[in-house]
Amino acid sequence: MNRTKFNPESRTIYTNAGGGQYRCLSNTDDQGTAVMQNISSKWTLTAHGCGIYEDGTIDWDWSTGGYFAE
């Protein structure tokens, strides 16, 4: 499946290719870096190198600063 780089849009919910749904809380730049939050567990992270697949699922190359939000 083809993967292309993309910039998540704030307030949009995406399905992660590895499972789970994530809301984009903020897009920090135009290089595919965004603050994402798992809508079930509230695990919040900065995703670097975001990519989207043909089926609309997303993933990222790596993440930093992960924590559980209250």
PDB file of N, CA and C in Angstrom:
ATOM      1  N   MET A   1       0.845  -1.181   0.000  1.00  0.00           N
ATOM      2  CA  MET A   1       0.000   0.000   0.000  1.00  0.00           C
ATOM      3  C   MET A   1       0.890   1.244   0.000  1.00  0.00           C
ATOM      4  N   ASN A   2       0.568   2.207  -0.804  1.00  0.00           N
ATOM      5  CA  ASN A   2       1.350   3.438  -0.886  1.00  0.00           C
ATOM      6  C   ASN A   2       1.097   4.340   0.312  1.00  0.00           C
ATOM      7  N   ARG A   3       2.163   4.931   0.814  1.00  0.00           N
ATOM      8  CA  ARG A   3       2.102   5.878   1.937  1.00  0.00           C
ATOM      9  C   ARG A   3       2.687   7.200   1.469  1.00  0.00           C
ATOM     10  N   THR A   4       1.978   8.270   1.756  1.00  0.00           N
ATOM     11  CA  THR A   4       2.483   9.593   1.413  1.00  0.00           C
ATOM     12  C   THR A   4       2.514  10.449   2.673  1.00  0.00           C
ATOM     13  N   LYS A   5       3.465  11.366   2.722  1.00  0.00           N
ATOM     14  CA  LYS A   5       3.559  12.293   3.845  1.00  0.00           C
ATOM     15  C   LYS A   5       2.348  13.220   3.826  1.00  0.00           C
ATOM     16  N   PHE A   6       1.898  13.613   5.008  1.00  0.00           N
ATOM     17  CA  PHE A   6       0.790  14.565   5.070  1.00  0.00           C
ATOM     18  C   PHE A   6       0.824  15.309   6.391  1.00  0.00           C
ATOM     19  N   ASN A   7       0.067  16.389   6.450  1.00  0.00           N
ATOM     20  CA  ASN A   7      -0.053  17.208   7.650  1.00  0.00           C
ATOM     21  C   ASN A   7      -1.457  17.049   8.212  1.00  0.00           C
ATOM     22  N   PRO A   8      -1.599  16.368   9.363  1.00  0.00           N
ATOM     23  CA  PRO A   8      -2.928  16.214   9.963  1.00  0.00           C
ATOM     24  C   PRO A   8      -3.579  17.562  10.235  1.00  0.00           C
ATOM     25  N   GLU A   9      -4.901  17.591  10.136  1.00  0.00           N
ATOM     26  CA  GLU A   9      -5.654  18.815  10.392  1.00  0.00           C
ATOM     27  C   GLU A   9      -6.171  18.818  11.822  1.00  0.00           C
ATOM     28  N   SER A  10      -6.043  19.950  12.496  1.00  0.00           N
ATOM     29  CA  SER A  10      -6.525  20.085  13.870  1.00  0.00           C
ATOM     30  C   SER A  10      -7.998  19.728  13.968  1.00  0.00           C
ATOM     31  N   ARG A  11      -8.362  19.070  15.077  1.00  0.00           N
ATOM     32  CA  ARG A  11      -9.731  18.664  15.411  1.00  0.00           C
ATOM     33  C   ARG A  11     -10.251  17.515  14.543  1.00  0.00           C
ATOM     34  N   THR A  12      -9.408  16.935  13.707  1.00  0.00           N
ATOM     35  CA  THR A  12      -9.833  15.816  12.870  1.00  0.00           C
ATOM     36  C   THR A  12      -9.419  14.509  13.530  1.00  0.00           C
ATOM     37  N   ILE A  13     -10.298  13.504  13.472  1.00  0.00           N
ATOM     38  CA  ILE A  13     -10.007  12.184  14.028  1.00  0.00           C
ATOM     39  C   ILE A  13      -9.567  11.273  12.890  1.00  0.00           C
ATOM     40  N   TYR A  14      -8.448  10.580  13.131  1.00  0.00           N
ATOM     41  CA  TYR A  14      -7.872   9.669  12.148  1.00  0.00           C
ATOM     42  C   TYR A  14      -7.763   8.270  12.734  1.00  0.00           C
ATOM     43  N   THR A  15      -7.869   7.253  11.888  1.00  0.00           N
ATOM     44  CA  THR A  15      -7.647   5.874  12.300  1.00  0.00           C
ATOM     45  C   THR A  15      -6.192   5.525  12.065  1.00  0.00           C
ATOM     46  N   ASN A  16      -5.532   5.051  13.117  1.00  0.00           N
ATOM     47  CA  ASN A  16      -4.131   4.671  13.018  1.00  0.00           C
ATOM     48  C   ASN A  16      -4.019   3.311  12.334  1.00  0.00           C
ATOM     49  N   ALA A  17      -3.053   3.167  11.446  1.00  0.00           N
ATOM     50  CA  ALA A  17      -2.858   1.907  10.722  1.00  0.00           C
ATOM     51  C   ALA A  17      -2.570   0.747  11.673  1.00  0.00           C
ATOM     52  N   GLY A  18      -1.993   1.035  12.842  1.00  0.00           N
ATOM     53  CA  GLY A  18      -1.703   0.002  13.827  1.00  0.00           C
ATOM     54  C   GLY A  18      -2.818  -0.219  14.828  1.00  0.00           C
ATOM     55  N   GLY A  19      -3.901   0.532  14.711  1.00  0.00           N
ATOM     56  CA  GLY A  19      -5.033   0.401  15.615  1.00  0.00           C
ATOM     57  C   GLY A  19      -5.276   1.674  16.405  1.00  0.00           C
ATOM     58  N   GLY A  20      -6.492   1.898  16.767  1.00  0.00           N
ATOM     59  CA  GLY A  20      -6.870   3.062  17.555  1.00  0.00           C
ATOM     60  C   GLY A  20      -7.229   4.262  16.696  1.00  0.00           C
ATOM     61  N   GLN A  21      -7.895   5.196  17.333  1.00  0.00           N
ATOM     62  CA  GLN A  21      -8.263   6.440  16.671  1.00  0.00           C
ATOM     63  C   GLN A  21      -7.617   7.591  17.423  1.00  0.00           C
ATOM     64  N   TYR A  22      -7.091   8.532  16.651  1.00  0.00           N
ATOM     65  CA  TYR A  22      -6.370   9.663  17.205  1.00  0.00           C
ATOM     66  C   TYR A  22      -6.949  10.967  16.691  1.00  0.00           C
ATOM     67  N   ARG A  23      -7.118  11.915  17.604  1.00  0.00           N
ATOM     68  CA  ARG A  23      -7.547  13.268  17.249  1.00  0.00           C
ATOM     69  C   ARG A  23      -6.304  14.135  17.147  1.00  0.00           C
ATOM     70  N   CYS A  24      -6.228  14.910  16.085  1.00  0.00           N
ATOM     71  CA  CYS A  24      -5.150  15.884  15.948  1.00  0.00           C
ATOM     72  C   CYS A  24      -5.501  17.084  16.809  1.00  0.00           C
ATOM     73  N   LEU A  25      -4.673  17.368  17.812  1.00  0.00           N
ATOM     74  CA  LEU A  25      -4.910  18.514  18.685  1.00  0.00           C
ATOM     75  C   LEU A  25      -4.311  19.783  18.099  1.00  0.00           C
ATOM     76  N   SER A  26      -3.189  19.635  17.430  1.00  0.00           N
ATOM     77  CA  SER A  26      -2.574  20.777  16.756  1.00  0.00           C
ATOM     78  C   SER A  26      -1.557  20.288  15.744  1.00  0.00           C
ATOM     79  N   ASN A  27      -1.435  21.050  14.688  1.00  0.00           N
ATOM     80  CA  ASN A  27      -0.452  20.784  13.659  1.00  0.00           C
ATOM     81  C   ASN A  27       0.674  21.764  13.910  1.00  0.00           C
ATOM     82  N   THR A  28       1.849  21.255  14.271  1.00  0.00           N
ATOM     83  CA  THR A  28       2.920  22.130  14.718  1.00  0.00           C
ATOM     84  C   THR A  28       3.754  22.725  13.587  1.00  0.00           C
ATOM     85  N   ASP A  29       3.689  22.148  12.410  1.00  0.00           N
ATOM     86  CA  ASP A  29       4.430  22.697  11.273  1.00  0.00           C
ATOM     87  C   ASP A  29       3.922  22.072   9.986  1.00  0.00           C
ATOM     88  N   ASP A  30       4.564  22.375   8.892  1.00  0.00           N
ATOM     89  CA  ASP A  30       4.129  21.805   7.617  1.00  0.00           C
ATOM     90  C   ASP A  30       5.002  20.631   7.193  1.00  0.00           C
ATOM     91  N   GLN A  31       5.700  20.048   8.157  1.00  0.00           N
ATOM     92  CA  GLN A  31       6.583  18.925   7.859  1.00  0.00           C
ATOM     93  C   GLN A  31       6.041  17.597   8.380  1.00  0.00           C
ATOM     94  N   GLY A  32       4.737  17.515   8.621  1.00  0.00           N
ATOM     95  CA  GLY A  32       4.146  16.266   9.084  1.00  0.00           C
ATOM     96  C   GLY A  32       4.326  16.010  10.563  1.00  0.00           C
ATOM     97  N   THR A  33       4.429  17.073  11.357  1.00  0.00           N
ATOM     98  CA  THR A  33       4.539  16.946  12.809  1.00  0.00           C
ATOM     99  C   THR A  33       3.266  17.498  13.437  1.00  0.00           C
ATOM    100  N   ALA A  34       2.672  16.723  14.347  1.00  0.00           N
ATOM    101  CA  ALA A  34       1.412  17.134  14.951  1.00  0.00           C
ATOM    102  C   ALA A  34       1.273  16.533  16.343  1.00  0.00           C
ATOM    103  N   VAL A  35       0.531  17.209  17.206  1.00  0.00           N
ATOM    104  CA  VAL A  35       0.183  16.663  18.514  1.00  0.00           C
ATOM    105  C   VAL A  35      -1.084  15.846  18.322  1.00  0.00           C
ATOM    106  N   MET A  36      -1.007  14.568  18.674  1.00  0.00           N
ATOM    107  CA  MET A  36      -2.106  13.622  18.476  1.00  0.00           C
ATOM    108  C   MET A  36      -2.513  13.036  19.825  1.00  0.00           C
ATOM    109  N   GLN A  37      -3.816  12.723  19.953  1.00  0.00           N
ATOM    110  CA  GLN A  37      -4.314  12.127  21.193  1.00  0.00           C
ATOM    111  C   GLN A  37      -5.226  10.954  20.868  1.00  0.00           C
ATOM    112  N   ASN A  38      -4.933   9.801  21.493  1.00  0.00           N
ATOM    113  CA  ASN A  38      -5.794   8.631  21.346  1.00  0.00           C
ATOM    114  C   ASN A  38      -7.125   8.955  22.005  1.00  0.00           C
ATOM    115  N   ILE A  39      -8.240   8.790  21.266  1.00  0.00           N
ATOM    116  CA  ILE A  39      -9.527   9.230  21.801  1.00  0.00           C
ATOM    117  C   ILE A  39     -10.044   8.318  22.912  1.00  0.00           C
ATOM    118  N   SER A  40      -9.536   7.083  23.016  1.00  0.00           N
ATOM    119  CA  SER A  40      -9.974   6.183  24.087  1.00  0.00           C
ATOM    120  C   SER A  40      -9.144   6.326  25.355  1.00  0.00           C
ATOM    121  N   SER A  41      -7.818   6.257  25.216  1.00  0.00           N
ATOM    122  CA  SER A  41      -6.935   6.244  26.379  1.00  0.00           C
ATOM    123  C   SER A  41      -6.421   7.616  26.776  1.00  0.00           C
ATOM    124  N   LYS A  42      -6.584   8.616  25.905  1.00  0.00           N
ATOM    125  CA  LYS A  42      -6.062   9.964  26.120  1.00  0.00           C
ATOM    126  C   LYS A  42      -4.533  10.020  26.056  1.00  0.00           C
ATOM    127  N   TRP A  43      -3.878   8.944  25.523  1.00  0.00           N
ATOM    128  CA  TRP A  43      -2.435   8.979  25.308  1.00  0.00           C
ATOM    129  C   TRP A  43      -2.157  10.083  24.288  1.00  0.00           C
ATOM    130  N   THR A  44      -1.335  11.038  24.676  1.00  0.00           N
ATOM    131  CA  THR A  44      -1.071  12.231  23.886  1.00  0.00           C
ATOM    132  C   THR A  44       0.411  12.265  23.540  1.00  0.00           C
ATOM    133  N   LEU A  45       0.723  12.587  22.300  1.00  0.00           N
ATOM    134  CA  LEU A  45       2.108  12.534  21.837  1.00  0.00           C
ATOM    135  C   LEU A  45       2.318  13.531  20.708  1.00  0.00           C
ATOM    136  N   THR A  46       3.567  13.805  20.436  1.00  0.00           N
ATOM    137  CA  THR A  46       3.921  14.566  19.249  1.00  0.00           C
ATOM    138  C   THR A  46       4.383  13.564  18.201  1.00  0.00           C
ATOM    139  N   ALA A  47       3.658  13.489  17.115  1.00  0.00           N
ATOM    140  CA  ALA A  47       3.948  12.553  16.027  1.00  0.00           C
ATOM    141  C   ALA A  47       4.806  13.255  14.980  1.00  0.00           C
ATOM    142  N   HIS A  48       5.887  12.607  14.595  1.00  0.00           N
ATOM    143  CA  HIS A  48       6.817  13.159  13.615  1.00  0.00           C
ATOM    144  C   HIS A  48       6.794  12.307  12.352  1.00  0.00           C
ATOM    145  N   GLY A  49       6.778  12.945  11.199  1.00  0.00           N
ATOM    146  CA  GLY A  49       6.793  12.211   9.935  1.00  0.00           C
ATOM    147  C   GLY A  49       5.475  11.521   9.656  1.00  0.00           C
ATOM    148  N   CYS A  50       4.375  12.220   9.836  1.00  0.00           N
ATOM    149  CA  CYS A  50       3.051  11.624   9.613  1.00  0.00           C
ATOM    150  C   CYS A  50       2.882  11.216   8.153  1.00  0.00           C
ATOM    151  N   GLY A  51       2.229  10.075   7.988  1.00  0.00           N
ATOM    152  CA  GLY A  51       1.945   9.575   6.647  1.00  0.00           C
ATOM    153  C   GLY A  51       0.527   9.047   6.577  1.00  0.00           C
ATOM    154  N   ILE A  52      -0.023   9.049   5.373  1.00  0.00           N
ATOM    155  CA  ILE A  52      -1.374   8.542   5.161  1.00  0.00           C
ATOM    156  C   ILE A  52      -1.336   7.513   4.036  1.00  0.00           C
ATOM    157  N   TYR A  53      -2.132   6.456   4.204  1.00  0.00           N
ATOM    158  CA  TYR A  53      -2.214   5.377   3.227  1.00  0.00           C
ATOM    159  C   TYR A  53      -3.429   5.562   2.323  1.00  0.00           C
ATOM    160  N   GLU A  54      -3.469   4.785   1.262  1.00  0.00           N
ATOM    161  CA  GLU A  54      -4.565   4.875   0.283  1.00  0.00           C
ATOM    162  C   GLU A  54      -5.930   4.643   0.920  1.00  0.00           C
ATOM    163  N   ASP A  55      -5.978   3.827   1.977  1.00  0.00           N
ATOM    164  CA  ASP A  55      -7.259   3.537   2.629  1.00  0.00           C
ATOM    165  C   ASP A  55      -7.654   4.587   3.664  1.00  0.00           C
ATOM    166  N   GLY A  56      -6.836   5.639   3.819  1.00  0.00           N
ATOM    167  CA  GLY A  56      -7.151   6.719   4.748  1.00  0.00           C
ATOM    168  C   GLY A  56      -6.577   6.544   6.139  1.00  0.00           C
ATOM    169  N   THR A  57      -5.974   5.389   6.449  1.00  0.00           N
ATOM    170  CA  THR A  57      -5.348   5.215   7.753  1.00  0.00           C
ATOM    171  C   THR A  57      -4.022   5.976   7.783  1.00  0.00           C
ATOM    172  N   ILE A  58      -3.580   6.276   8.991  1.00  0.00           N
ATOM    173  CA  ILE A  58      -2.357   7.054   9.155  1.00  0.00           C
ATOM    174  C   ILE A  58      -1.366   6.332  10.052  1.00  0.00           C
ATOM    175  N   ASP A  59      -0.130   6.814  10.045  1.00  0.00           N
ATOM    176  CA  ASP A  59       0.870   6.447  11.036  1.00  0.00           C
ATOM    177  C   ASP A  59       1.914   7.552  11.056  1.00  0.00           C
ATOM    178  N   TRP A  60       2.959   7.354  11.839  1.00  0.00           N
ATOM    179  CA  TRP A  60       4.038   8.334  11.900  1.00  0.00           C
ATOM    180  C   TRP A  60       5.340   7.595  12.090  1.00  0.00           C
ATOM    181  N   ASP A  61       6.425   8.270  11.742  1.00  0.00           N
ATOM    182  CA  ASP A  61       7.750   7.646  11.798  1.00  0.00           C
ATOM    183  C   ASP A  61       8.214   7.418  13.226  1.00  0.00           C
ATOM    184  N   TRP A  62       7.994   8.398  14.114  1.00  0.00           N
ATOM    185  CA  TRP A  62       8.340   8.273  15.522  1.00  0.00           C
ATOM    186  C   TRP A  62       7.549   9.313  16.307  1.00  0.00           C
ATOM    187  N   SER A  63       7.552   9.135  17.638  1.00  0.00           N
ATOM    188  CA  SER A  63       6.837  10.099  18.479  1.00  0.00           C
ATOM    189  C   SER A  63       7.702  10.483  19.665  1.00  0.00           C
ATOM    190  N   THR A  64       7.377  11.643  20.242  1.00  0.00           N
ATOM    191  CA  THR A  64       8.077  12.126  21.426  1.00  0.00           C
ATOM    192  C   THR A  64       7.062  12.694  22.413  1.00  0.00           C
ATOM    193  N   GLY A  65       7.493  12.780  23.665  1.00  0.00           N
ATOM    194  CA  GLY A  65       6.715  13.476  24.689  1.00  0.00           C
ATOM    195  C   GLY A  65       5.414  12.824  25.077  1.00  0.00           C
ATOM    196  N   GLY A  66       5.294  11.520  24.956  1.00  0.00           N
ATOM    197  CA  GLY A  66       4.030  10.849  25.253  1.00  0.00           C
ATOM    198  C   GLY A  66       3.640  10.909  26.724  1.00  0.00           C
ATOM    199  N   TYR A  67       2.347  11.115  26.973  1.00  0.00           N
ATOM    200  CA  TYR A  67       1.806  11.140  28.335  1.00  0.00           C
ATOM    201  C   TYR A  67       0.303  10.898  28.273  1.00  0.00           C
ATOM    202  N   PHE A  68      -0.263  10.466  29.407  1.00  0.00           N
ATOM    203  CA  PHE A  68      -1.717  10.305  29.500  1.00  0.00           C
ATOM    204  C   PHE A  68      -2.322  11.599  30.014  1.00  0.00           C
ATOM    205  N   ALA A  69      -3.186  12.208  29.210  1.00  0.00           N
ATOM    206  CA  ALA A  69      -3.871  13.432  29.614  1.00  0.00           C
ATOM    207  C   ALA A  69      -5.038  13.078  30.534  1.00  0.00           C
ATOM    208  N   GLU A  70      -5.400  14.002  31.366  1.00  0.00           N
ATOM    209  CA  GLU A  70      -6.526  13.762  32.275  1.00  0.00           C
ATOM    210  C   GLU A  70      -7.835  14.111  31.614  1.00  0.00           C
TER     211      GLU A  70
END
